[in-house]
């Protein structure tokens, strides 16, 4: 087949060389490409033949057309579970650790059940008990003899009135002119303090005590001073241990006991079951501590309760006999 390059008219006669319309020289036409179908729908294996109505026409379905589609694969949410598990572990470990840290710190604190004694017409005491802190370090110090105090106005405190008929914290009895007291549990201390009509401010406070059974006490026993009338809320305790010939000074805040002077050796302490007299002198610029008339230490008053009262302290379930609790002005 030939084609006119000017008017694009084609001729099937291959012997014809010139266009019959415009006389142009004919050229050989290119081969025609095969026909293509636009938007041809591919035939699937599930394609069905539509049934025909009588007369050869196809029967069209009037119901809505339905498509069956495989849902797209769900994106894996494993990472969500991993995060949730990790978060749970963090909360568990963090909370657990915090709980353990919290429990550990409470064990070291000297947690207490505190009660006030019922008011009485006579001068009695308030009482409490607390779990004791056993972490005070051991150190040595020198002792010295101090001049006798010029405070001679003596006020004796009747500790026979401090006997409790019953206490869940400790035991008390008064016999032979001594108040015998002790905590009911080892690792705890039992404290009795005077009511607020006594004060250790600007005073010398002293007591004589003895370890009845020469029993071991890691907590010590001794004299409370500058104390809140509610025991172990605020105040000091001057304590000795006649088994080790050591003393220490502690102060109290609610549910806590902290060391101001750690366990310190002193030759002024009489060992075993012998009597020891403890004395605290409250001066203008310091507090002095005496054992059997010998000054062993002095500190500044940082934690004392203003108008605080005296009291007695016995630790670790050891029975201690106290007598001659007095204040000198």
Protein backbone atom coordinates (compact mmCIF):
# COMPACT_ATOMS: atom_id res chain seq x y z
CA UNK A 1 0.00 0.00 0.00
CA UNK A 2 1.12 3.53 -0.91
CA UNK A 3 0.27 6.94 0.65
CA UNK A 4 0.39 10.54 -0.57
CA UNK A 5 2.65 12.49 1.76
CA UNK A 6 0.67 15.70 1.11
CA UNK A 7 -3.02 14.72 1.27
CA UNK A 8 -2.46 11.41 3.17
CA UNK A 9 -4.66 9.54 0.66
CA UNK A 10 -3.77 5.86 0.42
CA UNK A 11 -3.71 3.63 -2.66
CA UNK A 12 -3.78 -0.15 -2.69
CA UNK A 13 -2.31 -0.37 -6.18
CA UNK A 14 1.41 -0.74 -5.63
CA UNK A 15 2.05 0.03 -9.37
CA UNK A 16 0.67 3.57 -8.97
CA UNK A 17 3.50 6.12 -8.41
CA UNK A 18 1.70 9.49 -8.36
CA UNK A 19 -1.23 10.82 -6.33
CA UNK A 20 -4.36 11.19 -8.44
CA UNK A 21 -5.43 14.27 -6.40
CA UNK A 22 -2.34 16.50 -6.28
CA UNK A 23 0.24 14.59 -8.32
CA UNK A 24 2.62 14.10 -5.41
CA UNK A 25 4.99 11.15 -5.49
CA UNK A 26 3.47 8.32 -3.41
CA UNK A 27 5.44 6.62 -0.67
CA UNK A 28 5.12 3.17 0.83
CA UNK A 29 2.74 3.23 3.81
CA UNK A 30 4.05 1.86 7.17
CA UNK A 31 2.56 -1.40 8.52
CA UNK A 32 -0.57 -0.79 10.72
CA UNK A 33 -0.07 -1.65 14.40
CA UNK A 34 -2.41 -4.19 15.91
CA UNK A 35 -5.54 -2.75 17.59
CA UNK A 36 -5.46 -2.15 21.43
CA UNK A 37 -8.29 -2.09 23.96
CA UNK A 38 -8.44 0.81 26.39
CA UNK A 39 -9.55 -0.02 29.98
CA UNK A 40 -9.81 -3.64 29.10
CA UNK A 41 -11.13 -5.66 32.03
CA UNK A 42 -8.97 -8.72 32.67
CA UNK A 43 -10.66 -12.03 32.63
CA UNK A 44 -10.43 -13.89 35.97
CA UNK A 45 -10.81 -17.53 36.78
CA UNK A 46 -13.97 -16.74 38.73
CA UNK A 47 -15.64 -14.85 35.81
CA UNK A 48 -19.08 -16.24 35.28
CA UNK A 49 -21.23 -16.27 32.15
CA UNK A 50 -24.41 -14.36 32.61
CA UNK A 51 -27.47 -16.43 31.82
CA UNK A 52 -29.57 -15.25 28.92
CA UNK A 53 -33.20 -14.44 28.86
CA UNK A 54 -35.33 -16.05 26.21
CA UNK A 55 -34.53 -14.36 22.98
CA UNK A 56 -30.77 -14.39 23.57
CA UNK A 57 -30.52 -11.17 25.70
CA UNK A 58 -28.40 -11.32 28.86
CA UNK A 59 -30.21 -11.30 32.23
CA UNK A 60 -28.94 -8.41 34.39
CA UNK A 61 -29.01 -8.83 38.18
CA UNK A 62 -30.93 -5.99 39.84
CA UNK A 63 -29.54 -6.63 43.36
CA UNK A 64 -26.71 -4.38 44.68
CA UNK A 65 -23.36 -5.57 43.48
CA UNK A 66 -21.23 -7.12 46.21
CA UNK A 67 -17.47 -7.29 46.41
CA UNK A 68 -15.51 -9.81 48.34
CA UNK A 69 -12.20 -8.24 49.43
CA UNK A 70 -9.43 -9.64 51.52
CA UNK A 71 -8.84 -7.10 54.28
CA UNK A 72 -5.39 -5.58 54.33
CA UNK A 73 -3.00 -7.29 56.65
CA UNK A 74 -3.27 -5.70 60.07
CA UNK A 75 -0.19 -3.87 61.12
CA UNK A 76 1.47 -5.75 63.91
CA UNK A 77 0.84 -4.24 67.33
CA UNK A 78 3.51 -6.29 68.99
CA UNK A 79 5.46 -3.10 69.67
CA UNK A 80 2.49 -1.82 71.67
CA UNK A 81 2.58 -4.89 73.89
CA UNK A 82 6.34 -4.59 74.21
CA UNK A 83 5.95 -0.99 75.37
CA UNK A 84 3.16 -1.95 77.75
CA UNK A 85 5.22 -4.79 79.18
CA UNK A 86 8.29 -2.57 79.50
CA UNK A 87 6.17 0.15 81.09
CA UNK A 88 4.74 -2.38 83.51
CA UNK A 89 8.21 -3.59 84.37
CA UNK A 90 9.38 -0.03 84.92
CA UNK A 91 6.42 0.66 87.19
CA UNK A 92 6.86 -2.62 88.97
CA UNK A 93 10.59 -2.26 89.45
CA UNK A 94 10.43 1.44 90.17
CA UNK A 95 7.48 1.11 92.55
CA UNK A 96 8.92 -2.03 94.09
CA UNK A 97 12.31 -0.45 94.52
CA UNK A 98 10.73 2.68 95.90
CA UNK A 99 8.73 0.45 98.26
CA UNK A 100 11.89 -1.39 99.31
CA UNK A 101 13.77 1.90 99.74
CA UNK A 102 10.82 3.20 101.69
CA UNK A 103 10.60 0.05 103.91
CA UNK A 104 14.36 0.08 104.48
CA UNK A 105 14.34 3.70 105.59
CA UNK A 106 11.41 3.05 107.95
CA UNK A 107 13.27 0.17 109.57
CA UNK A 108 16.20 2.47 110.31
CA UNK A 109 13.88 5.14 111.68
CA UNK A 110 12.87 4.74 115.27
CA UNK A 111 9.15 4.47 114.56
CA UNK A 112 6.97 4.79 117.65
CA UNK A 113 3.48 4.29 118.95
CA UNK A 114 3.01 7.36 121.12
CA UNK A 115 0.38 7.89 123.79
CA UNK A 116 -0.15 10.50 126.46
CA UNK A 117 -0.84 9.45 130.02
CA UNK A 118 -4.24 10.24 131.43
CA UNK A 119 -4.25 13.51 133.37
CA UNK A 120 -3.97 13.04 137.11
CA UNK A 121 -4.07 15.50 140.04
CA UNK A 122 -0.60 14.39 141.05
CA UNK A 123 2.55 14.89 139.02
CA UNK A 124 2.91 11.82 136.87
CA UNK A 125 4.40 11.10 133.45
CA UNK A 126 3.71 10.61 129.80
CA UNK A 127 4.84 7.47 128.04
CA UNK A 128 5.88 6.11 124.65
CA UNK A 129 8.02 3.49 122.96
CA UNK A 130 10.03 3.47 119.75
CA UNK A 131 12.02 1.20 117.50
CA UNK A 132 15.63 2.12 118.07
CA UNK A 133 18.40 3.20 115.73
CA UNK A 134 21.46 0.99 116.08
CA UNK A 135 23.82 2.69 113.66
CA UNK A 136 25.71 5.06 115.96
CA UNK A 137 29.49 4.83 115.54
CA UNK A 138 31.91 4.10 118.36
CA UNK A 139 34.49 6.75 119.24
CA UNK A 140 36.63 7.74 122.21
CA UNK A 141 36.81 11.04 124.03
CA UNK A 142 38.55 12.58 127.03
CA UNK A 143 36.87 13.36 130.35
CA UNK A 144 37.35 16.21 132.77
CA UNK A 145 36.16 17.23 136.18
CA UNK A 146 34.08 20.40 136.28
CA UNK A 147 33.42 22.67 139.25
CA UNK A 148 30.36 21.84 141.30
CA UNK A 149 27.25 23.59 140.09
CA UNK A 150 26.03 26.56 142.14
CA UNK A 151 22.40 25.59 141.49
CA UNK A 152 21.14 24.50 144.87
CA UNK A 153 17.36 24.86 144.64
CA UNK A 154 16.43 21.18 144.32
CA UNK A 155 13.04 19.99 143.03
CA UNK A 156 12.57 16.23 143.37
CA UNK A 157 10.20 14.44 141.00
CA UNK A 158 8.08 11.67 142.51
CA UNK A 159 8.62 8.89 139.98
CA UNK A 160 6.56 6.47 142.07
CA UNK A 161 3.59 8.14 140.36
CA UNK A 162 4.91 7.03 136.99
CA UNK A 163 3.90 3.41 137.39
CA UNK A 164 1.49 2.29 134.67
CA UNK A 165 -1.05 -0.39 135.53
CA UNK A 166 -0.76 -1.60 131.95
CA UNK A 167 1.14 -0.54 128.86
CA UNK A 168 1.51 -2.31 125.53
CA UNK A 169 4.95 -0.72 125.20
CA UNK A 170 6.76 -1.38 128.47
CA UNK A 171 6.66 -2.50 132.07
CA UNK A 172 6.91 -0.37 135.21
CA UNK A 173 6.97 -1.10 138.91
CA UNK A 174 8.04 0.85 141.96
CA UNK A 175 9.87 -1.03 144.67
CA UNK A 176 12.53 -0.22 147.24
CA UNK A 177 12.49 3.47 146.29
CA UNK A 178 13.28 2.67 142.62
CA UNK A 179 11.20 2.84 139.46
CA UNK A 180 11.99 -0.27 137.44
CA UNK A 181 11.12 0.05 133.78
CA UNK A 182 11.89 -1.61 130.48
CA UNK A 183 10.59 -2.00 126.94
CA UNK A 184 8.55 -5.10 126.20
CA UNK A 185 10.43 -5.85 123.01
CA UNK A 186 14.09 -6.08 122.18
CA UNK A 187 15.10 -3.46 119.65
CA UNK A 188 12.66 -0.94 121.15
CA UNK A 189 13.02 1.67 123.84
CA UNK A 190 10.53 2.74 126.45
CA UNK A 191 10.32 6.40 127.49
CA UNK A 192 8.51 8.13 130.32
CA UNK A 193 8.52 11.93 130.65
CA UNK A 194 7.25 14.38 133.24
CA UNK A 195 4.26 16.67 132.65
CA UNK A 196 4.79 20.25 131.58
CA UNK A 197 4.93 21.71 135.11
CA UNK A 198 8.57 20.65 135.24
CA UNK A 199 11.21 22.18 132.99
CA UNK A 200 14.87 21.44 132.35
CA UNK A 201 15.60 24.89 130.90
CA UNK A 202 18.41 26.70 132.77
CA UNK A 203 18.62 23.77 135.15
CA UNK A 204 20.75 20.83 136.21
CA UNK A 205 18.83 17.59 135.69
CA UNK A 206 20.09 14.34 137.20
CA UNK A 207 19.08 10.77 137.91
CA UNK A 208 20.70 7.68 139.40
CA UNK A 209 20.23 4.34 137.67
CA UNK A 210 21.45 0.74 137.65
CA UNK A 211 21.27 -2.20 135.27
CA UNK A 212 19.48 -4.72 137.49
CA UNK A 213 20.55 -7.88 135.65
CA UNK A 214 23.73 -6.54 134.02
CA UNK A 215 21.95 -7.26 130.74
CA UNK A 216 23.21 -6.20 127.32
CA UNK A 217 21.50 -3.24 125.67
CA UNK A 218 22.67 -1.93 122.32
CA UNK A 219 20.36 1.06 122.74
CA UNK A 220 21.33 2.17 126.20
CA UNK A 221 19.35 3.70 129.08
CA UNK A 222 19.39 6.99 130.84
CA UNK A 223 18.06 10.53 131.17
CA UNK A 224 15.70 12.42 128.88
CA UNK A 225 15.78 16.25 128.97
CA UNK A 226 14.46 19.28 127.06
CA UNK A 227 11.62 17.01 125.91
CA UNK A 228 8.21 17.84 124.54
CA UNK A 229 5.65 16.67 127.16
CA UNK A 230 4.51 14.30 124.43
CA UNK A 231 7.40 11.80 124.49
CA UNK A 232 9.83 11.38 121.61
CA UNK A 233 8.47 14.27 119.57
CA UNK A 234 11.30 16.70 120.31
CA UNK A 235 14.06 16.50 122.88
CA UNK A 236 17.28 14.78 123.93
CA UNK A 237 18.35 11.58 125.71
CA UNK A 238 21.68 11.06 127.51
CA UNK A 239 22.31 7.27 127.52
CA UNK A 240 24.89 4.84 128.83
CA UNK A 241 25.70 1.14 128.45
CA UNK A 242 27.39 -0.39 131.50
CA UNK A 243 28.27 -3.57 129.56
CA UNK A 244 30.56 -1.63 127.22
CA UNK A 245 31.30 1.45 129.39
CA UNK A 246 30.07 3.78 126.66
CA UNK A 247 27.66 6.69 126.43
CA UNK A 248 25.84 8.51 123.66
CA UNK A 249 23.51 11.49 123.13
CA UNK A 250 20.52 11.39 120.77
CA UNK A 251 17.68 13.71 119.86
CA UNK A 252 14.16 12.87 118.79
CA UNK A 253 11.80 14.04 116.11
CA UNK A 254 8.45 12.34 115.42
CA UNK A 255 9.10 8.67 114.62
CA UNK A 256 12.85 9.17 114.50
CA UNK A 257 15.93 9.09 116.72
CA UNK A 258 19.21 10.60 115.55
CA UNK A 259 22.66 10.57 117.09
CA UNK A 260 24.28 13.81 118.28
CA UNK A 261 27.15 12.08 120.11
CA UNK A 262 27.84 8.51 118.91
CA UNK A 263 28.71 5.68 121.28
CA UNK A 264 31.82 6.84 123.09
CA UNK A 265 33.94 5.06 125.69
CA UNK A 266 34.29 6.64 129.13
CA UNK A 267 36.11 5.43 132.25
CA UNK A 268 33.63 7.48 134.30
CA UNK A 269 31.00 4.77 133.81
CA UNK A 270 30.77 2.16 136.57
CA UNK A 271 30.33 -1.30 135.04
CA UNK A 272 27.89 -4.10 135.65
CA UNK A 273 25.12 -3.63 138.21
CA UNK A 274 26.69 -0.64 139.93
CA UNK A 275 24.83 2.64 140.26
CA UNK A 276 25.64 5.51 137.88
CA UNK A 277 24.48 9.10 138.21
CA UNK A 278 23.82 11.01 135.02
CA UNK A 279 23.57 14.79 134.99
CA UNK A 280 22.81 17.36 132.30
CA UNK A 281 23.57 21.04 132.89
CA UNK A 282 21.76 23.50 130.66
CA UNK A 283 23.91 26.63 130.34
CA UNK A 284 23.51 29.81 128.33
CA UNK A 285 25.66 28.68 125.39
CA UNK A 286 25.94 24.89 125.74
CA UNK A 287 24.77 21.70 127.40
CA UNK A 288 27.24 19.77 129.57
CA UNK A 289 27.01 16.03 130.25
CA UNK A 290 28.28 14.41 133.46
CA UNK A 291 28.68 10.81 134.52
CA UNK A 292 29.26 10.32 138.24
CA UNK A 293 30.40 13.94 138.59
CA UNK A 294 32.79 13.87 135.62
CA UNK A 295 32.01 15.97 132.56
CA UNK A 296 32.33 13.81 129.44
CA UNK A 297 30.94 16.03 126.70
CA UNK A 298 29.32 19.36 125.82
CA UNK A 299 27.17 20.34 122.83
CA UNK A 300 25.09 23.32 121.72
CA UNK A 301 21.35 23.15 122.20
CA UNK A 302 19.97 22.73 118.69
CA UNK A 303 17.05 20.35 119.05
CA UNK A 304 15.71 20.99 122.56
CA UNK A 305 12.05 21.80 123.18
CA UNK A 306 11.58 25.24 124.76
CA UNK A 307 10.28 24.68 128.28
CA UNK A 308 11.03 20.97 127.83
CA UNK A 309 10.65 18.39 130.60
CA UNK A 310 12.81 15.55 131.99
CA UNK A 311 12.19 11.83 131.56
CA UNK A 312 13.58 8.30 131.67
CA UNK A 313 14.63 5.97 128.84
CA UNK A 314 15.23 2.21 128.84
CA UNK A 315 16.15 0.34 125.65
CA UNK A 316 16.32 -3.17 124.26
CA UNK A 317 14.02 -4.83 126.81
CA UNK A 318 16.53 -4.36 129.62
CA UNK A 319 15.12 -3.57 133.08
CA UNK A 320 16.66 -0.46 134.57
CA UNK A 321 16.08 0.83 138.10
CA UNK A 322 15.87 4.64 138.43
CA UNK A 323 15.83 6.83 141.54
CA UNK A 324 16.45 10.41 142.64
CA UNK A 325 15.21 12.17 139.52
CA UNK A 326 15.63 15.86 140.32
CA UNK A 327 16.01 19.31 138.85
CA UNK A 328 18.31 21.96 140.33
CA UNK A 329 17.74 25.63 139.61
